């Protein structure tokens, strides 16, 4: 979806804004630079407090789960009795 398209990444890490202009990288930075090299992207700083969209998406919804104390289901089917009765009727009709 983002391959070979211009995109802007908004981050709250100000130091990452200049990562592409660095001259030397450690191994971790080299890995990320290599990953981003396939994409035409620009990193812009956006303070975390002001980035309400990303903040809202990253927060876990605070809904209290409903609790069930106990669940008891009793199924009483008379299928076996109905099958036997139908078989008996069929036998009685034949004789």
PDB file of N, CA and C in Angstrom:
ATOM      1  N   UNK A   1       0.818  -1.196   0.000  1.00  0.00           N
ATOM      2  CA  UNK A   1       0.000   0.000   0.000  1.00  0.00           C
ATOM      3  C   UNK A   1       0.863   1.262   0.000  1.00  0.00           C
ATOM      4  N   UNK A   2       1.907   1.276   0.787  1.00  0.00           N
ATOM      5  CA  UNK A   2       2.768   2.457   0.873  1.00  0.00           C
ATOM      6  C   UNK A   2       3.997   2.367  -0.018  1.00  0.00           C
ATOM      7  N   UNK A   3       4.182   1.242  -0.663  1.00  0.00           N
ATOM      8  CA  UNK A   3       5.381   1.044  -1.467  1.00  0.00           C
ATOM      9  C   UNK A   3       5.406   2.029  -2.632  1.00  0.00           C
ATOM     10  N   UNK A   4       6.503   2.735  -2.759  1.00  0.00           N
ATOM     11  CA  UNK A   4       6.747   3.715  -3.819  1.00  0.00           C
ATOM     12  C   UNK A   4       5.731   4.861  -3.831  1.00  0.00           C
ATOM     13  N   UNK A   5       5.197   5.214  -2.685  1.00  0.00           N
ATOM     14  CA  UNK A   5       4.342   6.396  -2.578  1.00  0.00           C
ATOM     15  C   UNK A   5       4.915   7.302  -1.500  1.00  0.00           C
ATOM     16  N   UNK A   6       4.771   8.581  -1.699  1.00  0.00           N
ATOM     17  CA  UNK A   6       5.264   9.557  -0.721  1.00  0.00           C
ATOM     18  C   UNK A   6       4.355   9.513   0.501  1.00  0.00           C
ATOM     19  N   UNK A   7       4.949   9.345   1.672  1.00  0.00           N
ATOM     20  CA  UNK A   7       4.159   9.318   2.903  1.00  0.00           C
ATOM     21  C   UNK A   7       4.884  10.100   3.989  1.00  0.00           C
ATOM     22  N   UNK A   8       4.101  10.585   4.930  1.00  0.00           N
ATOM     23  CA  UNK A   8       4.635  11.346   6.056  1.00  0.00           C
ATOM     24  C   UNK A   8       4.303  10.580   7.323  1.00  0.00           C
ATOM     25  N   UNK A   9       5.318  10.353   8.148  1.00  0.00           N
ATOM     26  CA  UNK A   9       5.143   9.649   9.416  1.00  0.00           C
ATOM     27  C   UNK A   9       5.279  10.665  10.536  1.00  0.00           C
ATOM     28  N   UNK A  10       4.250  10.768  11.353  1.00  0.00           N
ATOM     29  CA  UNK A  10       4.275  11.678  12.499  1.00  0.00           C
ATOM     30  C   UNK A  10       4.632  10.879  13.740  1.00  0.00           C
ATOM     31  N   UNK A  11       5.704  11.284  14.428  1.00  0.00           N
ATOM     32  CA  UNK A  11       6.175  10.588  15.627  1.00  0.00           C
ATOM     33  C   UNK A  11       6.371  11.576  16.757  1.00  0.00           C
ATOM     34  N   UNK A  12       6.307  11.048  17.963  1.00  0.00           N
ATOM     35  CA  UNK A  12       6.567  11.907  19.118  1.00  0.00           C
ATOM     36  C   UNK A  12       8.000  11.751  19.614  1.00  0.00           C
ATOM     37  N   UNK A  13       8.863  11.128  18.811  1.00  0.00           N
ATOM     38  CA  UNK A  13      10.290  11.008  19.127  1.00  0.00           C
ATOM     39  C   UNK A  13      11.042  12.023  18.266  1.00  0.00           C
ATOM     40  N   UNK A  14      11.393  13.135  18.868  1.00  0.00           N
ATOM     41  CA  UNK A  14      12.018  14.232  18.119  1.00  0.00           C
ATOM     42  C   UNK A  14      13.349  13.812  17.498  1.00  0.00           C
ATOM     43  N   UNK A  15      14.086  12.941  18.168  1.00  0.00           N
ATOM     44  CA  UNK A  15      15.396  12.538  17.657  1.00  0.00           C
ATOM     45  C   UNK A  15      15.286  11.738  16.362  1.00  0.00           C
ATOM     46  N   UNK A  16      14.182  11.056  16.129  1.00  0.00           N
ATOM     47  CA  UNK A  16      14.028  10.281  14.895  1.00  0.00           C
ATOM     48  C   UNK A  16      13.796  11.159  13.672  1.00  0.00           C
ATOM     49  N   UNK A  17      13.495  12.398  13.898  1.00  0.00           N
ATOM     50  CA  UNK A  17      13.260  13.333  12.807  1.00  0.00           C
ATOM     51  C   UNK A  17      14.507  13.478  11.930  1.00  0.00           C
ATOM     52  N   UNK A  18      15.670  13.321  12.506  1.00  0.00           N
ATOM     53  CA  UNK A  18      16.929  13.527  11.786  1.00  0.00           C
ATOM     54  C   UNK A  18      17.688  12.221  11.533  1.00  0.00           C
ATOM     55  N   UNK A  19      17.038  11.098  11.660  1.00  0.00           N
ATOM     56  CA  UNK A  19      17.753   9.818  11.535  1.00  0.00           C
ATOM     57  C   UNK A  19      18.281   9.596  10.113  1.00  0.00           C
ATOM     58  N   UNK A  20      17.565  10.070   9.100  1.00  0.00           N
ATOM     59  CA  UNK A  20      18.014   9.850   7.726  1.00  0.00           C
ATOM     60  C   UNK A  20      19.212  10.717   7.354  1.00  0.00           C
ATOM     61  N   UNK A  21      19.473  11.761   8.113  1.00  0.00           N
ATOM     62  CA  UNK A  21      20.603  12.644   7.800  1.00  0.00           C
ATOM     63  C   UNK A  21      21.861  12.306   8.600  1.00  0.00           C
ATOM     64  N   UNK A  22      21.802  11.274   9.432  1.00  0.00           N
ATOM     65  CA  UNK A  22      22.985  10.867  10.203  1.00  0.00           C
ATOM     66  C   UNK A  22      24.027  10.253   9.276  1.00  0.00           C
ATOM     67  N   UNK A  23      25.296  10.320   9.702  1.00  0.00           N
ATOM     68  CA  UNK A  23      26.375   9.744   8.906  1.00  0.00           C
ATOM     69  C   UNK A  23      26.722   8.336   9.349  1.00  0.00           C
ATOM     70  N   UNK A  24      26.631   8.072  10.637  1.00  0.00           N
ATOM     71  CA  UNK A  24      26.967   6.748  11.161  1.00  0.00           C
ATOM     72  C   UNK A  24      25.776   6.192  11.926  1.00  0.00           C
ATOM     73  N   UNK A  25      25.628   4.857  11.836  1.00  0.00           N
ATOM     74  CA  UNK A  25      24.508   4.187  12.493  1.00  0.00           C
ATOM     75  C   UNK A  25      25.004   2.996  13.292  1.00  0.00           C
ATOM     76  N   UNK A  26      24.314   2.702  14.376  1.00  0.00           N
ATOM     77  CA  UNK A  26      24.595   1.442  15.065  1.00  0.00           C
ATOM     78  C   UNK A  26      23.794   0.342  14.362  1.00  0.00           C
ATOM     79  N   UNK A  27      23.909  -0.894  14.818  1.00  0.00           N
ATOM     80  CA  UNK A  27      23.269  -2.021  14.131  1.00  0.00           C
ATOM     81  C   UNK A  27      21.743  -1.891  14.112  1.00  0.00           C
ATOM     82  N   UNK A  28      21.171  -1.470  15.212  1.00  0.00           N
ATOM     83  CA  UNK A  28      19.712  -1.336  15.287  1.00  0.00           C
ATOM     84  C   UNK A  28      19.226  -0.245  14.326  1.00  0.00           C
ATOM     85  N   UNK A  29      19.930   0.882  14.318  1.00  0.00           N
ATOM     86  CA  UNK A  29      19.551   1.972  13.409  1.00  0.00           C
ATOM     87  C   UNK A  29      19.720   1.543  11.953  1.00  0.00           C
ATOM     88  N   UNK A  30      20.794   0.806  11.681  1.00  0.00           N
ATOM     89  CA  UNK A  30      21.041   0.333  10.324  1.00  0.00           C
ATOM     90  C   UNK A  30      19.896  -0.556   9.835  1.00  0.00           C
ATOM     91  N   UNK A  31      19.404  -1.390  10.738  1.00  0.00           N
ATOM     92  CA  UNK A  31      18.279  -2.271  10.402  1.00  0.00           C
ATOM     93  C   UNK A  31      17.051  -1.452   9.999  1.00  0.00           C
ATOM     94  N   UNK A  32      16.728  -0.432  10.784  1.00  0.00           N
ATOM     95  CA  UNK A  32      15.551   0.384  10.502  1.00  0.00           C
ATOM     96  C   UNK A  32      15.735   1.234   9.244  1.00  0.00           C
ATOM     97  N   UNK A  33      16.924   1.756   9.032  1.00  0.00           N
ATOM     98  CA  UNK A  33      17.197   2.536   7.822  1.00  0.00           C
ATOM     99  C   UNK A  33      17.035   1.651   6.590  1.00  0.00           C
ATOM    100  N   UNK A  34      17.518   0.432   6.677  1.00  0.00           N
ATOM    101  CA  UNK A  34      17.379  -0.505   5.562  1.00  0.00           C
ATOM    102  C   UNK A  34      15.906  -0.820   5.299  1.00  0.00           C
ATOM    103  N   UNK A  35      15.141  -0.978   6.353  1.00  0.00           N
ATOM    104  CA  UNK A  35      13.712  -1.252   6.209  1.00  0.00           C
ATOM    105  C   UNK A  35      12.984  -0.073   5.556  1.00  0.00           C
ATOM    106  N   UNK A  36      13.302   1.134   5.982  1.00  0.00           N
ATOM    107  CA  UNK A  36      12.647   2.323   5.448  1.00  0.00           C
ATOM    108  C   UNK A  36      13.159   2.716   4.065  1.00  0.00           C
ATOM    109  N   UNK A  37      14.270   2.157   3.620  1.00  0.00           N
ATOM    110  CA  UNK A  37      14.831   2.549   2.324  1.00  0.00           C
ATOM    111  C   UNK A  37      13.916   2.172   1.157  1.00  0.00           C
ATOM    112  N   UNK A  38      13.031   1.209   1.340  1.00  0.00           N
ATOM    113  CA  UNK A  38      12.090   0.822   0.286  1.00  0.00           C
ATOM    114  C   UNK A  38      10.925   1.800   0.152  1.00  0.00           C
ATOM    115  N   UNK A  39      10.783   2.688   1.100  1.00  0.00           N
ATOM    116  CA  UNK A  39       9.634   3.592   1.123  1.00  0.00           C
ATOM    117  C   UNK A  39      10.089   5.040   0.983  1.00  0.00           C
ATOM    118  N   UNK A  40       9.271   5.833   0.344  1.00  0.00           N
ATOM    119  CA  UNK A  40       9.536   7.262   0.202  1.00  0.00           C
ATOM    120  C   UNK A  40       8.779   7.965   1.323  1.00  0.00           C
ATOM    121  N   UNK A  41       9.449   8.120   2.460  1.00  0.00           N
ATOM    122  CA  UNK A  41       8.748   8.679   3.615  1.00  0.00           C
ATOM    123  C   UNK A  41       9.558   9.801   4.259  1.00  0.00           C
ATOM    124  N   UNK A  42       8.828  10.618   4.944  1.00  0.00           N
ATOM    125  CA  UNK A  42       9.412  11.732   5.678  1.00  0.00           C
ATOM    126  C   UNK A  42       8.921  11.614   7.116  1.00  0.00           C
ATOM    127  N   UNK A  43       9.838  11.760   8.061  1.00  0.00           N
ATOM    128  CA  UNK A  43       9.464  11.687   9.473  1.00  0.00           C
ATOM    129  C   UNK A  43       9.350  13.101  10.015  1.00  0.00           C
ATOM    130  N   UNK A  44       8.204  13.391  10.605  1.00  0.00           N
ATOM    131  CA  UNK A  44       7.980  14.705  11.213  1.00  0.00           C
ATOM    132  C   UNK A  44       7.662  14.533  12.685  1.00  0.00           C
ATOM    133  N   UNK A  45       8.156  15.473  13.458  1.00  0.00           N
ATOM    134  CA  UNK A  45       7.908  15.455  14.902  1.00  0.00           C
ATOM    135  C   UNK A  45       6.538  16.061  15.188  1.00  0.00           C
ATOM    136  N   UNK A  46       5.789  15.357  16.009  1.00  0.00           N
ATOM    137  CA  UNK A  46       4.487  15.842  16.477  1.00  0.00           C
ATOM    138  C   UNK A  46       4.404  15.474  17.953  1.00  0.00           C
ATOM    139  N   UNK A  47       4.357  16.450  18.849  1.00  0.00           N
ATOM    140  CA  UNK A  47       4.375  16.140  20.288  1.00  0.00           C
ATOM    141  C   UNK A  47       3.286  15.145  20.684  1.00  0.00           C
ATOM    142  N   UNK A  48       3.636  14.249  21.579  1.00  0.00           N
ATOM    143  CA  UNK A  48       2.721  13.194  21.999  1.00  0.00           C
ATOM    144  C   UNK A  48       1.398  13.696  22.540  1.00  0.00           C
ATOM    145  N   UNK A  49       1.427  14.749  23.332  1.00  0.00           N
ATOM    146  CA  UNK A  49       0.187  15.294  23.908  1.00  0.00           C
ATOM    147  C   UNK A  49      -0.735  15.847  22.829  1.00  0.00           C
ATOM    148  N   UNK A  50      -0.146  16.383  21.759  1.00  0.00           N
ATOM    149  CA  UNK A  50      -0.948  16.963  20.683  1.00  0.00           C
ATOM    150  C   UNK A  50      -1.410  15.919  19.671  1.00  0.00           C
ATOM    151  N   UNK A  51      -0.793  14.760  19.677  1.00  0.00           N
ATOM    152  CA  UNK A  51      -1.128  13.711  18.717  1.00  0.00           C
ATOM    153  C   UNK A  51      -2.268  12.856  19.271  1.00  0.00           C
ATOM    154  N   UNK A  52      -3.448  13.433  19.336  1.00  0.00           N
ATOM    155  CA  UNK A  52      -4.578  12.766  19.989  1.00  0.00           C
ATOM    156  C   UNK A  52      -5.092  11.567  19.202  1.00  0.00           C
ATOM    157  N   UNK A  53      -4.951  11.573  17.890  1.00  0.00           N
ATOM    158  CA  UNK A  53      -5.433  10.445  17.091  1.00  0.00           C
ATOM    159  C   UNK A  53      -4.618   9.199  17.403  1.00  0.00           C
ATOM    160  N   UNK A  54      -3.299   9.311  17.331  1.00  0.00           N
ATOM    161  CA  UNK A  54      -2.444   8.164  17.640  1.00  0.00           C
ATOM    162  C   UNK A  54      -2.593   7.756  19.096  1.00  0.00           C
ATOM    163  N   UNK A  55      -2.742   8.730  19.961  1.00  0.00           N
ATOM    164  CA  UNK A  55      -2.914   8.448  21.380  1.00  0.00           C
ATOM    165  C   UNK A  55      -4.193   7.658  21.618  1.00  0.00           C
ATOM    166  N   UNK A  56      -5.265   8.051  20.965  1.00  0.00           N
ATOM    167  CA  UNK A  56      -6.542   7.347  21.128  1.00  0.00           C
ATOM    168  C   UNK A  56      -6.470   5.936  20.563  1.00  0.00           C
ATOM    169  N   UNK A  57      -5.774   5.761  19.447  1.00  0.00           N
ATOM    170  CA  UNK A  57      -5.664   4.436  18.841  1.00  0.00           C
ATOM    171  C   UNK A  57      -4.793   3.491  19.655  1.00  0.00           C
ATOM    172  N   UNK A  58      -3.833   4.038  20.385  1.00  0.00           N
ATOM    173  CA  UNK A  58      -2.919   3.188  21.141  1.00  0.00           C
ATOM    174  C   UNK A  58      -3.427   2.855  22.537  1.00  0.00           C
ATOM    175  N   UNK A  59      -4.451   3.516  22.985  1.00  0.00           N
ATOM    176  CA  UNK A  59      -4.988   3.272  24.330  1.00  0.00           C
ATOM    177  C   UNK A  59      -5.970   2.113  24.320  1.00  0.00           C
ATOM    178  N   UNK A  60      -5.913   1.361  25.374  1.00  0.00           N
ATOM    179  CA  UNK A  60      -6.861   0.275  25.537  1.00  0.00           C
ATOM    180  C   UNK A  60      -8.187   0.861  26.010  1.00  0.00           C
ATOM    181  N   UNK A  61      -9.249   0.370  25.439  1.00  0.00           N
ATOM    182  CA  UNK A  61     -10.563   0.873  25.817  1.00  0.00           C
ATOM    183  C   UNK A  61     -10.850   0.507  27.264  1.00  0.00           C
ATOM    184  N   UNK A  62     -11.318   1.481  28.023  1.00  0.00           N
ATOM    185  CA  UNK A  62     -11.545   1.265  29.448  1.00  0.00           C
ATOM    186  C   UNK A  62     -13.008   0.916  29.710  1.00  0.00           C
ATOM    187  N   UNK A  63     -13.389  -0.250  29.269  1.00  0.00           N
ATOM    188  CA  UNK A  63     -14.737  -0.738  29.508  1.00  0.00           C
ATOM    189  C   UNK A  63     -14.623  -1.902  30.470  1.00  0.00           C
ATOM    190  N   UNK A  64     -15.369  -1.822  31.532  1.00  0.00           N
ATOM    191  CA  UNK A  64     -15.318  -2.877  32.520  1.00  0.00           C
ATOM    192  C   UNK A  64     -16.036  -4.110  31.967  1.00  0.00           C
ATOM    193  N   UNK A  65     -15.352  -5.244  31.924  1.00  0.00           N
ATOM    194  CA  UNK A  65     -16.004  -6.438  31.389  1.00  0.00           C
ATOM    195  C   UNK A  65     -17.119  -6.914  32.312  1.00  0.00           C
ATOM    196  N   UNK A  66     -18.149  -7.458  31.705  1.00  0.00           N
ATOM    197  CA  UNK A  66     -19.248  -7.996  32.497  1.00  0.00           C
ATOM    198  C   UNK A  66     -18.845  -9.369  33.003  1.00  0.00           C
ATOM    199  N   UNK A  67     -19.201  -9.629  34.241  1.00  0.00           N
ATOM    200  CA  UNK A  67     -18.810 -10.894  34.846  1.00  0.00           C
ATOM    201  C   UNK A  67     -20.017 -11.809  34.976  1.00  0.00           C
ATOM    202  N   UNK A  68     -19.757 -13.057  34.777  1.00  0.00           N
ATOM    203  CA  UNK A  68     -20.776 -14.078  34.961  1.00  0.00           C
ATOM    204  C   UNK A  68     -20.327 -14.920  36.139  1.00  0.00           C
ATOM    205  N   UNK A  69     -21.152 -14.968  37.145  1.00  0.00           N
ATOM    206  CA  UNK A  69     -20.770 -15.732  38.337  1.00  0.00           C
ATOM    207  C   UNK A  69     -20.881 -17.226  38.110  1.00  0.00           C
ATOM    208  N   UNK A  70     -21.972 -17.641  37.527  1.00  0.00           N
ATOM    209  CA  UNK A  70     -22.148 -19.070  37.276  1.00  0.00           C
ATOM    210  C   UNK A  70     -23.101 -19.247  36.108  1.00  0.00           C
ATOM    211  N   UNK A  71     -22.882 -20.308  35.400  1.00  0.00           N
ATOM    212  CA  UNK A  71     -23.773 -20.612  34.300  1.00  0.00           C
ATOM    213  C   UNK A  71     -24.077 -22.102  34.365  1.00  0.00           C
ATOM    214  N   UNK A  72     -25.331 -22.405  34.352  1.00  0.00           N
ATOM    215  CA  UNK A  72     -25.739 -23.793  34.426  1.00  0.00           C
ATOM    216  C   UNK A  72     -26.814 -24.019  33.379  1.00  0.00           C
ATOM    217  N   UNK A  73     -26.542 -24.904  32.455  1.00  0.00           N
ATOM    218  CA  UNK A  73     -27.504 -25.211  31.404  1.00  0.00           C
ATOM    219  C   UNK A  73     -27.829 -26.693  31.493  1.00  0.00           C
ATOM    220  N   UNK A  74     -29.100 -26.975  31.596  1.00  0.00           N
ATOM    221  CA  UNK A  74     -29.545 -28.365  31.621  1.00  0.00           C
ATOM    222  C   UNK A  74     -30.401 -28.596  30.390  1.00  0.00           C
ATOM    223  N   UNK A  75     -29.948 -29.477  29.557  1.00  0.00           N
ATOM    224  CA  UNK A  75     -30.696 -29.806  28.354  1.00  0.00           C
ATOM    225  C   UNK A  75     -31.323 -31.176  28.539  1.00  0.00           C
ATOM    226  N   UNK A  76     -32.609 -31.208  28.418  1.00  0.00           N
ATOM    227  CA  UNK A  76     -33.297 -32.492  28.525  1.00  0.00           C
ATOM    228  C   UNK A  76     -34.016 -32.734  27.211  1.00  0.00           C
ATOM    229  N   UNK A  77     -33.405 -33.530  26.406  1.00  0.00           N
ATOM    230  CA  UNK A  77     -34.037 -33.844  25.133  1.00  0.00           C
ATOM    231  C   UNK A  77     -34.602 -35.247  25.198  1.00  0.00           C
ATOM    232  N   UNK A  78     -35.689 -35.391  24.581  1.00  0.00           N
ATOM    233  CA  UNK A  78     -36.319 -36.713  24.562  1.00  0.00           C
ATOM    234  C   UNK A  78     -36.185 -37.329  23.183  1.00  0.00           C
ATOM    235  N   UNK A  79     -35.096 -37.015  22.518  1.00  0.00           N
ATOM    236  CA  UNK A  79     -34.917 -37.503  21.153  1.00  0.00           C
ATOM    237  C   UNK A  79     -34.844 -39.026  21.106  1.00  0.00           C
ATOM    238  N   UNK A  80     -34.172 -39.597  22.095  1.00  0.00           N
ATOM    239  CA  UNK A  80     -34.061 -41.060  22.117  1.00  0.00           C
ATOM    240  C   UNK A  80     -35.447 -41.682  22.257  1.00  0.00           C
ATOM    241  N   UNK A  81     -36.259 -41.139  23.153  1.00  0.00           N
ATOM    242  CA  UNK A  81     -37.614 -41.660  23.346  1.00  0.00           C
ATOM    243  C   UNK A  81     -38.459 -41.475  22.089  1.00  0.00           C
ATOM    244  N   UNK A  82     -38.302 -40.348  21.414  1.00  0.00           N
ATOM    245  CA  UNK A  82     -39.079 -40.109  20.195  1.00  0.00           C
ATOM    246  C   UNK A  82     -38.661 -41.056  19.074  1.00  0.00           C
ATOM    247  N   UNK A  83     -37.361 -41.342  18.980  1.00  0.00           N
ATOM    248  CA  UNK A  83     -36.885 -42.282  17.955  1.00  0.00           C
ATOM    249  C   UNK A  83     -37.452 -43.669  18.217  1.00  0.00           C
ATOM    250  N   UNK A  84     -37.392 -44.100  19.476  1.00  0.00           N
ATOM    251  CA  UNK A  84     -37.918 -45.426  19.818  1.00  0.00           C
ATOM    252  C   UNK A  84     -39.420 -45.509  19.554  1.00  0.00           C
ATOM    253  N   UNK A  85     -40.169 -44.456  19.879  1.00  0.00           N
ATOM    254  CA  UNK A  85     -41.618 -44.454  19.643  1.00  0.00           C
ATOM    255  C   UNK A  85     -41.919 -44.509  18.148  1.00  0.00           C
ATOM    256  N   UNK A  86     -41.154 -43.749  17.347  1.00  0.00           N
ATOM    257  CA  UNK A  86     -41.358 -43.766  15.895  1.00  0.00           C
ATOM    258  C   UNK A  86     -41.039 -45.129  15.313  1.00  0.00           C
ATOM    259  N   UNK A  87     -39.983 -45.757  15.800  1.00  0.00           N
ATOM    260  CA  UNK A  87     -39.628 -47.089  15.319  1.00  0.00           C
ATOM    261  C   UNK A  87     -40.720 -48.095  15.684  1.00  0.00           C
ATOM    262  N   UNK A  88     -41.247 -47.981  16.899  1.00  0.00           N
ATOM    263  CA  UNK A  88     -42.301 -48.905  17.342  1.00  0.00           C
ATOM    264  C   UNK A  88     -43.556 -48.714  16.488  1.00  0.00           C
ATOM    265  N   UNK A  89     -43.918 -47.454  16.185  1.00  0.00           N
ATOM    266  CA  UNK A  89     -45.076 -47.181  15.326  1.00  0.00           C
ATOM    267  C   UNK A  89     -44.881 -47.788  13.949  1.00  0.00           C
ATOM    268  N   UNK A  90     -43.679 -47.630  13.406  1.00  0.00           N
ATOM    269  CA  UNK A  90     -43.394 -48.164  12.076  1.00  0.00           C
ATOM    270  C   UNK A  90     -43.508 -49.678  12.065  1.00  0.00           C
ATOM    271  N   UNK A  91     -43.025 -50.314  13.119  1.00  0.00           N
ATOM    272  CA  UNK A  91     -43.110 -51.778  13.203  1.00  0.00           C
ATOM    273  C   UNK A  91     -44.570 -52.199  13.339  1.00  0.00           C
ATOM    274  N   UNK A  92     -45.346 -51.485  14.169  1.00  0.00           N
ATOM    275  CA  UNK A  92     -46.753 -51.825  14.370  1.00  0.00           C
ATOM    276  C   UNK A  92     -47.555 -51.651  13.077  1.00  0.00           C
ATOM    277  N   UNK A  93     -47.246 -50.642  12.283  1.00  0.00           N
ATOM    278  CA  UNK A  93     -47.955 -50.419  11.025  1.00  0.00           C
ATOM    279  C   UNK A  93     -47.652 -51.522  10.022  1.00  0.00           C
ATOM    280  N   UNK A  94     -46.448 -52.042  10.058  1.00  0.00           N
ATOM    281  CA  UNK A  94     -46.050 -53.091   9.112  1.00  0.00           C
ATOM    282  C   UNK A  94     -46.665 -54.443   9.481  1.00  0.00           C
ATOM    283  N   UNK A  95     -46.975 -54.669  10.726  1.00  0.00           N
ATOM    284  CA  UNK A  95     -47.498 -55.979  11.140  1.00  0.00           C
ATOM    285  C   UNK A  95     -48.985 -56.004  11.246  1.00  0.00           C
TER     286      UNK A  95
END
